[in-house]
Amino acid sequence: MLLPLTRSAFEPAPLHAVIADVPVPMLAHFGRLMSGEGWHVDLARMCLDRLYAYERIAQAHTSARAPLRDAALDLFAAYDRHAEGRWLQ
């Protein structure tokens, strides 16, 4: 005989996401500059996915626009200061 499922059986496991410690205004500025190039950036994903963040930063560094390249360097420095072990792998 099967027992009825309880509510706890339907609750998802807790997600222990770690958000990059990067200033939101810096991310927003970066996103606006990337949009100016026609490049989409998922700012929420930039906070959770290290590989994605570094790929977008590298892409920005290839821009012909100096403000975007500068923003990429500033953002890279901010991510670099973030503790390596705190990222989701």
N, C-alpha and C. Protein backbone atom coordinates (compact mmCIF):
# COMPACT_ATOMS: atom_id res chain seq x y z
N MET A 1 0.82 -1.17 0.00
CA MET A 1 0.00 0.00 0.00
C MET A 1 0.88 1.25 0.00
N LEU A 2 0.56 2.17 -0.88
CA LEU A 2 1.31 3.43 -0.96
C LEU A 2 0.73 4.45 0.00
N LEU A 3 1.60 5.15 0.65
CA LEU A 3 1.16 6.22 1.54
C LEU A 3 1.00 7.50 0.74
N PRO A 4 0.05 8.34 1.12
CA PRO A 4 -0.10 9.61 0.40
C PRO A 4 1.14 10.49 0.60
N LEU A 5 1.48 11.21 -0.45
CA LEU A 5 2.64 12.10 -0.37
C LEU A 5 2.31 13.31 0.49
N THR A 6 3.26 13.70 1.26
CA THR A 6 3.07 14.90 2.10
C THR A 6 3.58 16.11 1.34
N ARG A 7 3.22 17.26 1.82
CA ARG A 7 3.65 18.50 1.18
C ARG A 7 5.17 18.59 1.07
N SER A 8 5.86 18.10 2.08
CA SER A 8 7.32 18.20 2.06
C SER A 8 7.94 17.44 0.89
N ALA A 9 7.26 16.43 0.38
CA ALA A 9 7.78 15.68 -0.75
C ALA A 9 7.79 16.51 -2.02
N PHE A 10 6.97 17.55 -2.06
CA PHE A 10 6.89 18.39 -3.25
C PHE A 10 7.75 19.65 -3.15
N GLU A 11 8.31 19.89 -1.99
CA GLU A 11 9.13 21.08 -1.82
C GLU A 11 10.51 20.83 -2.42
N PRO A 12 10.98 21.76 -3.21
CA PRO A 12 12.30 21.57 -3.83
C PRO A 12 13.40 21.69 -2.79
N ALA A 13 14.51 21.09 -3.10
CA ALA A 13 15.68 21.22 -2.23
C ALA A 13 16.13 22.68 -2.25
N PRO A 14 16.62 23.16 -1.15
CA PRO A 14 17.06 24.57 -1.13
C PRO A 14 18.23 24.79 -2.07
N LEU A 15 18.21 25.90 -2.72
CA LEU A 15 19.29 26.27 -3.63
C LEU A 15 20.20 27.24 -2.89
N HIS A 16 21.42 26.89 -2.79
CA HIS A 16 22.39 27.73 -2.09
C HIS A 16 23.19 28.52 -3.12
N ALA A 17 22.52 29.44 -3.76
CA ALA A 17 23.17 30.26 -4.76
C ALA A 17 23.99 31.35 -4.09
N VAL A 18 25.13 31.62 -4.67
CA VAL A 18 25.98 32.69 -4.17
C VAL A 18 26.03 33.77 -5.24
N ILE A 19 25.76 34.96 -4.82
CA ILE A 19 25.74 36.07 -5.75
C ILE A 19 27.07 36.79 -5.71
N ALA A 20 27.60 37.09 -6.87
CA ALA A 20 28.86 37.81 -6.95
C ALA A 20 28.72 39.15 -6.24
N ASP A 21 29.73 39.51 -5.51
CA ASP A 21 29.72 40.76 -4.76
C ASP A 21 30.21 41.89 -5.66
N VAL A 22 29.37 42.24 -6.62
CA VAL A 22 29.69 43.29 -7.59
C VAL A 22 28.62 44.37 -7.48
N PRO A 23 29.02 45.63 -7.43
CA PRO A 23 28.02 46.70 -7.30
C PRO A 23 27.00 46.69 -8.44
N VAL A 24 25.74 46.79 -8.07
CA VAL A 24 24.66 46.77 -9.06
C VAL A 24 24.80 47.92 -10.06
N PRO A 25 25.13 49.14 -9.63
CA PRO A 25 25.29 50.21 -10.62
C PRO A 25 26.38 49.89 -11.66
N MET A 26 27.44 49.22 -11.23
CA MET A 26 28.50 48.84 -12.16
C MET A 26 27.98 47.84 -13.19
N LEU A 27 27.20 46.87 -12.72
CA LEU A 27 26.60 45.89 -13.64
C LEU A 27 25.62 46.56 -14.60
N ALA A 28 24.80 47.47 -14.08
CA ALA A 28 23.82 48.16 -14.92
C ALA A 28 24.51 48.99 -15.99
N HIS A 29 25.56 49.70 -15.61
CA HIS A 29 26.33 50.50 -16.57
C HIS A 29 26.93 49.61 -17.66
N PHE A 30 27.49 48.49 -17.24
CA PHE A 30 28.06 47.53 -18.18
C PHE A 30 26.98 47.03 -19.15
N GLY A 31 25.81 46.71 -18.61
CA GLY A 31 24.71 46.24 -19.45
C GLY A 31 24.28 47.28 -20.47
N ARG A 32 24.21 48.54 -20.06
CA ARG A 32 23.83 49.61 -21.00
C ARG A 32 24.87 49.77 -22.10
N LEU A 33 26.14 49.71 -21.73
CA LEU A 33 27.20 49.83 -22.74
C LEU A 33 27.17 48.65 -23.70
N MET A 34 26.94 47.46 -23.18
CA MET A 34 26.86 46.27 -24.04
C MET A 34 25.67 46.39 -24.99
N SER A 35 24.55 46.89 -24.49
CA SER A 35 23.37 47.09 -25.34
C SER A 35 23.68 48.06 -26.46
N GLY A 36 24.48 49.07 -26.17
CA GLY A 36 24.89 50.03 -27.19
C GLY A 36 25.65 49.39 -28.33
N GLU A 37 26.30 48.28 -28.05
CA GLU A 37 27.01 47.52 -29.08
C GLU A 37 26.09 46.50 -29.77
N GLY A 38 24.88 46.36 -29.23
CA GLY A 38 23.97 45.35 -29.77
C GLY A 38 24.17 43.99 -29.15
N TRP A 39 24.87 43.93 -28.02
CA TRP A 39 25.16 42.67 -27.35
C TRP A 39 24.28 42.54 -26.11
N HIS A 40 23.53 41.45 -26.03
CA HIS A 40 22.65 41.20 -24.88
C HIS A 40 23.47 40.65 -23.72
N VAL A 41 23.14 41.12 -22.52
CA VAL A 41 23.77 40.61 -21.30
C VAL A 41 22.66 40.31 -20.29
N ASP A 42 22.66 39.13 -19.76
CA ASP A 42 21.73 38.75 -18.70
C ASP A 42 22.40 39.11 -17.37
N LEU A 43 22.00 40.25 -16.80
CA LEU A 43 22.67 40.75 -15.60
C LEU A 43 22.50 39.82 -14.40
N ALA A 44 21.36 39.18 -14.28
CA ALA A 44 21.17 38.23 -13.18
C ALA A 44 22.14 37.05 -13.33
N ARG A 45 22.30 36.58 -14.53
CA ARG A 45 23.22 35.46 -14.76
C ARG A 45 24.67 35.88 -14.52
N MET A 46 24.97 37.15 -14.76
CA MET A 46 26.31 37.67 -14.49
C MET A 46 26.68 37.50 -13.02
N CYS A 47 25.68 37.49 -12.16
CA CYS A 47 25.92 37.37 -10.71
C CYS A 47 26.07 35.93 -10.26
N LEU A 48 25.63 34.99 -11.05
CA LEU A 48 25.59 33.59 -10.63
C LEU A 48 26.51 32.66 -11.41
N ASP A 49 26.84 33.02 -12.62
CA ASP A 49 27.56 32.11 -13.52
C ASP A 49 28.90 32.74 -13.90
N ARG A 50 29.95 32.27 -13.26
CA ARG A 50 31.29 32.85 -13.46
C ARG A 50 31.73 32.76 -14.91
N LEU A 51 31.57 31.62 -15.54
CA LEU A 51 31.99 31.46 -16.93
C LEU A 51 31.26 32.44 -17.84
N TYR A 52 29.94 32.55 -17.67
CA TYR A 52 29.16 33.49 -18.47
C TYR A 52 29.66 34.92 -18.25
N ALA A 53 29.90 35.28 -16.99
CA ALA A 53 30.36 36.63 -16.69
C ALA A 53 31.69 36.92 -17.37
N TYR A 54 32.62 36.00 -17.27
CA TYR A 54 33.93 36.23 -17.89
C TYR A 54 33.85 36.24 -19.42
N GLU A 55 32.95 35.45 -20.00
CA GLU A 55 32.76 35.49 -21.45
C GLU A 55 32.23 36.84 -21.90
N ARG A 56 31.26 37.39 -21.16
CA ARG A 56 30.72 38.71 -21.52
C ARG A 56 31.78 39.81 -21.33
N ILE A 57 32.57 39.69 -20.27
CA ILE A 57 33.62 40.67 -20.03
C ILE A 57 34.66 40.60 -21.16
N ALA A 58 35.03 39.40 -21.56
CA ALA A 58 35.99 39.24 -22.67
C ALA A 58 35.42 39.80 -23.96
N GLN A 59 34.14 39.54 -24.21
CA GLN A 59 33.50 40.08 -25.40
C GLN A 59 33.54 41.61 -25.37
N ALA A 60 33.24 42.19 -24.23
CA ALA A 60 33.24 43.65 -24.09
C ALA A 60 34.63 44.22 -24.35
N HIS A 61 35.64 43.46 -23.96
CA HIS A 61 37.01 43.94 -24.14
C HIS A 61 37.40 44.00 -25.61
N THR A 62 36.66 43.34 -26.48
CA THR A 62 36.95 43.38 -27.91
C THR A 62 36.29 44.56 -28.60
N SER A 63 35.49 45.31 -27.87
CA SER A 63 34.76 46.44 -28.45
C SER A 63 35.71 47.53 -28.93
N ALA A 64 35.28 48.23 -29.95
CA ALA A 64 36.04 49.39 -30.44
C ALA A 64 35.80 50.61 -29.56
N ARG A 65 34.81 50.53 -28.68
CA ARG A 65 34.46 51.66 -27.82
C ARG A 65 35.24 51.59 -26.51
N ALA A 66 36.05 52.62 -26.27
CA ALA A 66 36.89 52.67 -25.06
C ALA A 66 36.07 52.62 -23.77
N PRO A 67 34.92 53.30 -23.67
CA PRO A 67 34.17 53.22 -22.42
C PRO A 67 33.74 51.80 -22.06
N LEU A 68 33.41 51.01 -23.07
CA LEU A 68 33.01 49.62 -22.81
C LEU A 68 34.22 48.79 -22.40
N ARG A 69 35.34 49.00 -23.07
CA ARG A 69 36.56 48.28 -22.67
C ARG A 69 36.96 48.63 -21.24
N ASP A 70 36.86 49.90 -20.89
CA ASP A 70 37.18 50.33 -19.53
C ASP A 70 36.22 49.71 -18.51
N ALA A 71 34.94 49.70 -18.85
CA ALA A 71 33.95 49.09 -17.96
C ALA A 71 34.24 47.60 -17.78
N ALA A 72 34.68 46.95 -18.85
CA ALA A 72 35.01 45.52 -18.77
C ALA A 72 36.18 45.30 -17.82
N LEU A 73 37.18 46.14 -17.90
CA LEU A 73 38.33 46.01 -16.99
C LEU A 73 37.92 46.25 -15.54
N ASP A 74 37.09 47.26 -15.32
CA ASP A 74 36.62 47.55 -13.96
C ASP A 74 35.79 46.39 -13.42
N LEU A 75 34.93 45.83 -14.27
CA LEU A 75 34.10 44.72 -13.85
C LEU A 75 34.94 43.48 -13.58
N PHE A 76 35.94 43.24 -14.42
CA PHE A 76 36.83 42.10 -14.20
C PHE A 76 37.52 42.24 -12.85
N ALA A 77 38.00 43.44 -12.53
CA ALA A 77 38.67 43.66 -11.25
C ALA A 77 37.71 43.40 -10.09
N ALA A 78 36.45 43.80 -10.24
CA ALA A 78 35.46 43.57 -9.19
C ALA A 78 35.20 42.07 -9.02
N TYR A 79 35.09 41.34 -10.13
CA TYR A 79 34.89 39.90 -10.05
C TYR A 79 36.13 39.22 -9.48
N ASP A 80 37.29 39.71 -9.84
CA ASP A 80 38.55 39.11 -9.38
C ASP A 80 38.67 39.24 -7.86
N ARG A 81 38.13 40.31 -7.30
CA ARG A 81 38.16 40.49 -5.84
C ARG A 81 37.19 39.55 -5.14
N HIS A 82 36.22 39.03 -5.89
CA HIS A 82 35.22 38.13 -5.30
C HIS A 82 35.89 36.80 -4.96
N ALA A 83 35.58 36.27 -3.82
CA ALA A 83 36.21 35.02 -3.38
C ALA A 83 35.90 33.88 -4.35
N GLU A 84 36.92 33.23 -4.82
CA GLU A 84 36.79 32.14 -5.80
C GLU A 84 35.85 31.05 -5.31
N GLY A 85 35.93 30.68 -4.09
CA GLY A 85 35.13 29.57 -3.56
C GLY A 85 33.66 29.89 -3.38
N ARG A 86 33.27 31.14 -3.58
CA ARG A 86 31.87 31.49 -3.36
C ARG A 86 31.03 31.39 -4.62
N TRP A 87 31.63 31.10 -5.76
CA TRP A 87 30.88 30.97 -7.02
C TRP A 87 30.23 29.61 -7.12
N LEU A 88 29.12 29.56 -7.82
CA LEU A 88 28.54 28.28 -8.20
C LEU A 88 29.42 27.70 -9.29
N GLN A 89 29.63 26.43 -9.25
CA GLN A 89 30.48 25.79 -10.26
C GLN A 89 29.65 25.22 -11.37
